[in-house]
Amino acid sequence: EFKKVHYPGLTTHEDHKIAAETLDGFGGMMAVELAGGGKAAERFLRRLRLVTHAPSLGGVDTLVSEPRYTSHAKMTPAERARIGIPDGFLRFSIGLEDVDDLIADLEQALK
């Protein structure tokens, strides 16, 4: 289960208004927090079939990165949580795959 979705294109995002005023669209970068923390993230990442788990993001394929092992690996769990990156936080770079295929992959990985 996604505990929280971080995407400025959502009207519920705290920076939505400024993003809507300053950006030309919202782009394909987003992040989610999984209920269940790090163990839930590990299980989710193992189950993905279409989305590729990668150490960095960008390109035409959908990629997912886990900051606790990449960009924020030198921080403690408490330090990461304090800045809004708790265990279970995943960053996605959405690619050009069919949207229904992406949704199906995310749904099956959450089961």
N, C-alpha and C. Protein backbone atom coordinates (compact mmCIF):
# COMPACT_ATOMS: atom_id res chain seq x y z
N GLU A 1 0.85 -1.17 0.00
CA GLU A 1 0.00 0.00 0.00
C GLU A 1 0.89 1.24 0.00
N PHE A 2 0.52 2.22 -0.86
CA PHE A 2 1.22 3.49 -0.87
C PHE A 2 0.70 4.33 0.28
N LYS A 3 1.58 4.67 1.20
CA LYS A 3 1.23 5.49 2.35
C LYS A 3 1.10 6.96 1.95
N LYS A 4 1.98 7.40 1.04
CA LYS A 4 1.97 8.79 0.59
C LYS A 4 2.57 8.85 -0.81
N VAL A 5 2.03 9.74 -1.64
CA VAL A 5 2.54 9.98 -2.99
C VAL A 5 3.05 11.41 -3.04
N HIS A 6 4.29 11.57 -3.52
CA HIS A 6 4.90 12.89 -3.65
C HIS A 6 4.95 13.22 -5.15
N TYR A 7 4.09 14.13 -5.57
CA TYR A 7 4.04 14.52 -6.98
C TYR A 7 3.38 15.89 -7.06
N PRO A 8 4.08 16.90 -7.57
CA PRO A 8 3.51 18.26 -7.57
C PRO A 8 2.29 18.41 -8.47
N GLY A 9 2.03 17.43 -9.33
CA GLY A 9 0.84 17.48 -10.17
C GLY A 9 -0.44 17.17 -9.41
N LEU A 10 -0.33 16.62 -8.22
CA LEU A 10 -1.50 16.33 -7.39
C LEU A 10 -1.94 17.61 -6.67
N THR A 11 -3.22 17.88 -6.70
CA THR A 11 -3.71 19.09 -6.04
C THR A 11 -3.48 19.05 -4.54
N THR A 12 -3.27 17.87 -3.97
CA THR A 12 -3.03 17.73 -2.54
C THR A 12 -1.56 17.96 -2.16
N HIS A 13 -0.68 18.06 -3.14
CA HIS A 13 0.75 18.28 -2.85
C HIS A 13 0.95 19.71 -2.34
N GLU A 14 1.78 19.87 -1.31
CA GLU A 14 1.95 21.20 -0.69
C GLU A 14 2.51 22.25 -1.64
N ASP A 15 3.20 21.84 -2.70
CA ASP A 15 3.76 22.80 -3.66
C ASP A 15 3.00 22.82 -4.98
N HIS A 16 1.80 22.25 -5.01
CA HIS A 16 1.05 22.17 -6.27
C HIS A 16 0.80 23.55 -6.90
N LYS A 17 0.37 24.50 -6.10
CA LYS A 17 0.03 25.81 -6.64
C LYS A 17 1.23 26.47 -7.31
N ILE A 18 2.37 26.48 -6.63
CA ILE A 18 3.55 27.11 -7.22
C ILE A 18 4.06 26.31 -8.43
N ALA A 19 3.95 24.99 -8.37
CA ALA A 19 4.36 24.17 -9.50
C ALA A 19 3.47 24.45 -10.71
N ALA A 20 2.17 24.57 -10.49
CA ALA A 20 1.24 24.85 -11.59
C ALA A 20 1.51 26.21 -12.21
N GLU A 21 1.96 27.16 -11.40
CA GLU A 21 2.24 28.51 -11.90
C GLU A 21 3.57 28.60 -12.62
N THR A 22 4.54 27.80 -12.22
CA THR A 22 5.90 27.97 -12.74
C THR A 22 6.34 26.89 -13.73
N LEU A 23 5.73 25.71 -13.70
CA LEU A 23 6.15 24.62 -14.57
C LEU A 23 5.27 24.53 -15.81
N ASP A 24 5.85 24.02 -16.87
CA ASP A 24 5.11 23.75 -18.10
C ASP A 24 4.77 22.26 -18.09
N GLY A 25 3.81 21.86 -17.28
CA GLY A 25 3.51 20.45 -17.04
C GLY A 25 4.24 19.99 -15.79
N PHE A 26 3.94 18.78 -15.35
CA PHE A 26 4.49 18.31 -14.08
C PHE A 26 5.58 17.24 -14.23
N GLY A 27 5.76 16.69 -15.42
CA GLY A 27 6.84 15.75 -15.66
C GLY A 27 6.59 14.36 -15.12
N GLY A 28 7.60 13.52 -15.27
CA GLY A 28 7.49 12.11 -14.93
C GLY A 28 8.23 11.70 -13.68
N MET A 29 8.65 12.64 -12.86
CA MET A 29 9.33 12.30 -11.62
C MET A 29 8.33 12.33 -10.47
N MET A 30 8.36 11.27 -9.67
CA MET A 30 7.47 11.19 -8.52
C MET A 30 8.12 10.31 -7.47
N ALA A 31 7.60 10.35 -6.28
CA ALA A 31 8.10 9.49 -5.20
C ALA A 31 6.90 8.98 -4.42
N VAL A 32 7.10 7.83 -3.79
CA VAL A 32 6.04 7.25 -2.94
C VAL A 32 6.67 6.78 -1.64
N GLU A 33 5.85 6.71 -0.62
CA GLU A 33 6.24 6.07 0.64
C GLU A 33 5.34 4.86 0.78
N LEU A 34 5.94 3.70 1.04
CA LEU A 34 5.17 2.49 1.23
C LEU A 34 4.87 2.28 2.70
N ALA A 35 3.64 1.90 3.00
CA ALA A 35 3.31 1.49 4.36
C ALA A 35 4.13 0.23 4.62
N GLY A 36 4.75 0.14 5.77
CA GLY A 36 5.58 -1.03 6.07
C GLY A 36 7.06 -0.74 5.95
N GLY A 37 7.43 0.46 5.52
CA GLY A 37 8.83 0.88 5.52
C GLY A 37 9.75 0.10 4.61
N GLY A 38 10.99 -0.10 5.09
CA GLY A 38 12.04 -0.72 4.29
C GLY A 38 11.72 -2.12 3.82
N LYS A 39 11.15 -2.93 4.68
CA LYS A 39 10.82 -4.31 4.29
C LYS A 39 9.76 -4.33 3.18
N ALA A 40 8.80 -3.44 3.28
CA ALA A 40 7.78 -3.35 2.23
C ALA A 40 8.41 -2.89 0.92
N ALA A 41 9.35 -1.95 0.99
CA ALA A 41 10.04 -1.49 -0.22
C ALA A 41 10.83 -2.62 -0.87
N GLU A 42 11.55 -3.39 -0.06
CA GLU A 42 12.32 -4.51 -0.61
C GLU A 42 11.41 -5.51 -1.30
N ARG A 43 10.30 -5.86 -0.68
CA ARG A 43 9.36 -6.81 -1.26
C ARG A 43 8.77 -6.24 -2.56
N PHE A 44 8.38 -4.98 -2.54
CA PHE A 44 7.81 -4.32 -3.72
C PHE A 44 8.81 -4.33 -4.87
N LEU A 45 10.06 -3.95 -4.60
CA LEU A 45 11.08 -3.89 -5.65
C LEU A 45 11.36 -5.26 -6.26
N ARG A 46 11.37 -6.30 -5.43
CA ARG A 46 11.60 -7.67 -5.94
C ARG A 46 10.47 -8.12 -6.86
N ARG A 47 9.28 -7.61 -6.64
CA ARG A 47 8.11 -8.09 -7.38
C ARG A 47 7.86 -7.33 -8.68
N LEU A 48 8.49 -6.19 -8.88
CA LEU A 48 8.29 -5.44 -10.12
C LEU A 48 8.78 -6.25 -11.31
N ARG A 49 8.06 -6.20 -12.41
CA ARG A 49 8.43 -6.93 -13.62
C ARG A 49 8.77 -6.00 -14.78
N LEU A 50 8.06 -4.91 -14.91
CA LEU A 50 8.27 -3.97 -16.00
C LEU A 50 9.22 -2.85 -15.59
N VAL A 51 9.04 -2.32 -14.40
CA VAL A 51 9.85 -1.21 -13.89
C VAL A 51 11.20 -1.75 -13.44
N THR A 52 12.27 -1.07 -13.80
CA THR A 52 13.63 -1.48 -13.48
C THR A 52 14.14 -0.77 -12.23
N HIS A 53 14.66 -1.53 -11.28
CA HIS A 53 15.28 -0.96 -10.07
C HIS A 53 16.68 -0.50 -10.47
N ALA A 54 16.98 0.78 -10.26
CA ALA A 54 18.24 1.36 -10.72
C ALA A 54 18.81 2.30 -9.67
N PRO A 55 20.14 2.50 -9.67
CA PRO A 55 20.75 3.40 -8.68
C PRO A 55 20.53 4.88 -8.97
N SER A 56 20.15 5.22 -10.21
CA SER A 56 19.86 6.62 -10.55
C SER A 56 18.69 6.63 -11.52
N LEU A 57 18.15 7.82 -11.75
CA LEU A 57 16.93 7.92 -12.54
C LEU A 57 17.13 8.72 -13.80
N GLY A 58 16.31 8.46 -14.81
CA GLY A 58 16.32 9.20 -16.06
C GLY A 58 16.40 8.24 -17.23
N GLY A 59 15.87 8.62 -18.36
CA GLY A 59 15.87 7.79 -19.55
C GLY A 59 14.47 7.58 -20.06
N VAL A 60 14.31 6.65 -21.00
CA VAL A 60 13.00 6.42 -21.60
C VAL A 60 12.26 5.25 -20.95
N ASP A 61 12.95 4.46 -20.15
CA ASP A 61 12.33 3.36 -19.44
C ASP A 61 11.98 3.81 -18.03
N THR A 62 10.91 3.26 -17.46
CA THR A 62 10.54 3.60 -16.10
C THR A 62 11.53 2.96 -15.14
N LEU A 63 12.05 3.77 -14.24
CA LEU A 63 13.05 3.33 -13.26
C LEU A 63 12.59 3.69 -11.87
N VAL A 64 13.07 2.92 -10.89
CA VAL A 64 12.77 3.21 -9.48
C VAL A 64 14.07 3.12 -8.70
N SER A 65 14.24 4.04 -7.76
CA SER A 65 15.44 4.09 -6.94
C SER A 65 15.05 4.17 -5.47
N GLU A 66 15.86 3.57 -4.62
CA GLU A 66 15.60 3.57 -3.18
C GLU A 66 16.67 4.42 -2.51
N PRO A 67 16.35 5.68 -2.14
CA PRO A 67 17.34 6.60 -1.61
C PRO A 67 18.14 6.09 -0.41
N ARG A 68 17.55 5.23 0.41
CA ARG A 68 18.29 4.76 1.59
C ARG A 68 19.52 3.96 1.19
N TYR A 69 19.58 3.47 -0.04
CA TYR A 69 20.76 2.73 -0.51
C TYR A 69 21.53 3.48 -1.59
N THR A 70 21.05 4.65 -1.98
CA THR A 70 21.74 5.40 -3.05
C THR A 70 22.09 6.80 -2.57
N SER A 71 21.29 7.79 -2.92
CA SER A 71 21.62 9.19 -2.66
C SER A 71 21.73 9.55 -1.19
N HIS A 72 21.06 8.81 -0.30
CA HIS A 72 21.06 9.15 1.13
C HIS A 72 21.61 8.01 1.98
N ALA A 73 22.45 7.18 1.40
CA ALA A 73 22.97 5.99 2.08
C ALA A 73 23.83 6.33 3.30
N LYS A 74 24.44 7.49 3.32
CA LYS A 74 25.32 7.85 4.44
C LYS A 74 24.57 8.41 5.64
N MET A 75 23.28 8.57 5.49
CA MET A 75 22.48 9.11 6.60
C MET A 75 21.85 7.95 7.38
N THR A 76 21.58 8.20 8.64
CA THR A 76 20.89 7.21 9.47
C THR A 76 19.41 7.24 9.11
N PRO A 77 18.67 6.18 9.46
CA PRO A 77 17.22 6.20 9.22
C PRO A 77 16.54 7.41 9.87
N ALA A 78 16.96 7.78 11.06
CA ALA A 78 16.36 8.93 11.74
C ALA A 78 16.65 10.23 10.99
N GLU A 79 17.88 10.40 10.51
CA GLU A 79 18.23 11.60 9.74
C GLU A 79 17.41 11.69 8.46
N ARG A 80 17.28 10.56 7.76
CA ARG A 80 16.49 10.56 6.53
C ARG A 80 15.02 10.88 6.83
N ALA A 81 14.48 10.28 7.86
CA ALA A 81 13.07 10.52 8.21
C ALA A 81 12.84 11.99 8.55
N ARG A 82 13.81 12.60 9.22
CA ARG A 82 13.68 14.00 9.62
C ARG A 82 13.57 14.92 8.40
N ILE A 83 14.20 14.55 7.28
CA ILE A 83 14.12 15.39 6.08
C ILE A 83 13.08 14.88 5.09
N GLY A 84 12.24 13.94 5.53
CA GLY A 84 11.13 13.49 4.68
C GLY A 84 11.42 12.31 3.80
N ILE A 85 12.46 11.54 4.11
CA ILE A 85 12.81 10.36 3.32
C ILE A 85 12.86 9.15 4.26
N PRO A 86 11.70 8.67 4.70
CA PRO A 86 11.68 7.53 5.61
C PRO A 86 11.99 6.23 4.88
N ASP A 87 12.32 5.18 5.62
CA ASP A 87 12.45 3.86 5.01
C ASP A 87 11.12 3.54 4.33
N GLY A 88 11.18 2.98 3.14
CA GLY A 88 9.99 2.71 2.36
C GLY A 88 9.74 3.77 1.30
N PHE A 89 10.59 4.80 1.23
CA PHE A 89 10.48 5.89 0.26
C PHE A 89 11.15 5.46 -1.03
N LEU A 90 10.45 5.54 -2.14
CA LEU A 90 10.99 5.16 -3.45
C LEU A 90 10.79 6.32 -4.42
N ARG A 91 11.78 6.53 -5.29
CA ARG A 91 11.68 7.57 -6.32
C ARG A 91 11.49 6.89 -7.67
N PHE A 92 10.56 7.41 -8.46
CA PHE A 92 10.30 6.87 -9.79
C PHE A 92 10.61 7.91 -10.85
N SER A 93 11.15 7.45 -11.96
CA SER A 93 11.26 8.23 -13.18
C SER A 93 10.38 7.49 -14.18
N ILE A 94 9.24 8.08 -14.53
CA ILE A 94 8.28 7.40 -15.38
C ILE A 94 8.71 7.50 -16.84
N GLY A 95 8.74 6.36 -17.50
CA GLY A 95 9.19 6.29 -18.88
C GLY A 95 8.06 6.32 -19.89
N LEU A 96 8.33 5.72 -21.05
CA LEU A 96 7.41 5.79 -22.17
C LEU A 96 6.55 4.53 -22.34
N GLU A 97 6.60 3.61 -21.38
CA GLU A 97 5.81 2.40 -21.49
C GLU A 97 4.31 2.73 -21.47
N ASP A 98 3.51 1.79 -21.91
CA ASP A 98 2.06 1.95 -21.87
C ASP A 98 1.61 2.14 -20.43
N VAL A 99 0.78 3.15 -20.18
CA VAL A 99 0.36 3.49 -18.82
C VAL A 99 -0.37 2.32 -18.16
N ASP A 100 -1.18 1.58 -18.91
CA ASP A 100 -1.90 0.45 -18.32
C ASP A 100 -0.93 -0.65 -17.89
N ASP A 101 0.15 -0.85 -18.65
CA ASP A 101 1.17 -1.84 -18.27
C ASP A 101 1.88 -1.41 -16.98
N LEU A 102 2.19 -0.11 -16.88
CA LEU A 102 2.85 0.40 -15.67
C LEU A 102 1.94 0.24 -14.45
N ILE A 103 0.70 0.62 -14.59
CA ILE A 103 -0.24 0.50 -13.47
C ILE A 103 -0.38 -0.96 -13.05
N ALA A 104 -0.48 -1.85 -14.03
CA ALA A 104 -0.61 -3.28 -13.71
C ALA A 104 0.63 -3.78 -12.97
N ASP A 105 1.82 -3.32 -13.36
CA ASP A 105 3.04 -3.76 -12.69
C ASP A 105 3.08 -3.27 -11.25
N LEU A 106 2.72 -2.01 -11.04
CA LEU A 106 2.70 -1.47 -9.68
C LEU A 106 1.66 -2.19 -8.82
N GLU A 107 0.49 -2.44 -9.39
CA GLU A 107 -0.56 -3.14 -8.63
C GLU A 107 -0.14 -4.55 -8.25
N GLN A 108 0.48 -5.31 -9.18
CA GLN A 108 0.87 -6.68 -8.85
C GLN A 108 2.01 -6.69 -7.85
N ALA A 109 2.87 -5.67 -7.89
CA ALA A 109 3.98 -5.61 -6.93
C ALA A 109 3.49 -5.28 -5.52
N LEU A 110 2.37 -4.60 -5.42
CA LEU A 110 1.81 -4.24 -4.10
C LEU A 110 1.07 -5.40 -3.44
N LYS A 111 0.66 -6.40 -4.22
CA LYS A 111 -0.12 -7.52 -3.67
C LYS A 111 0.69 -8.36 -2.70
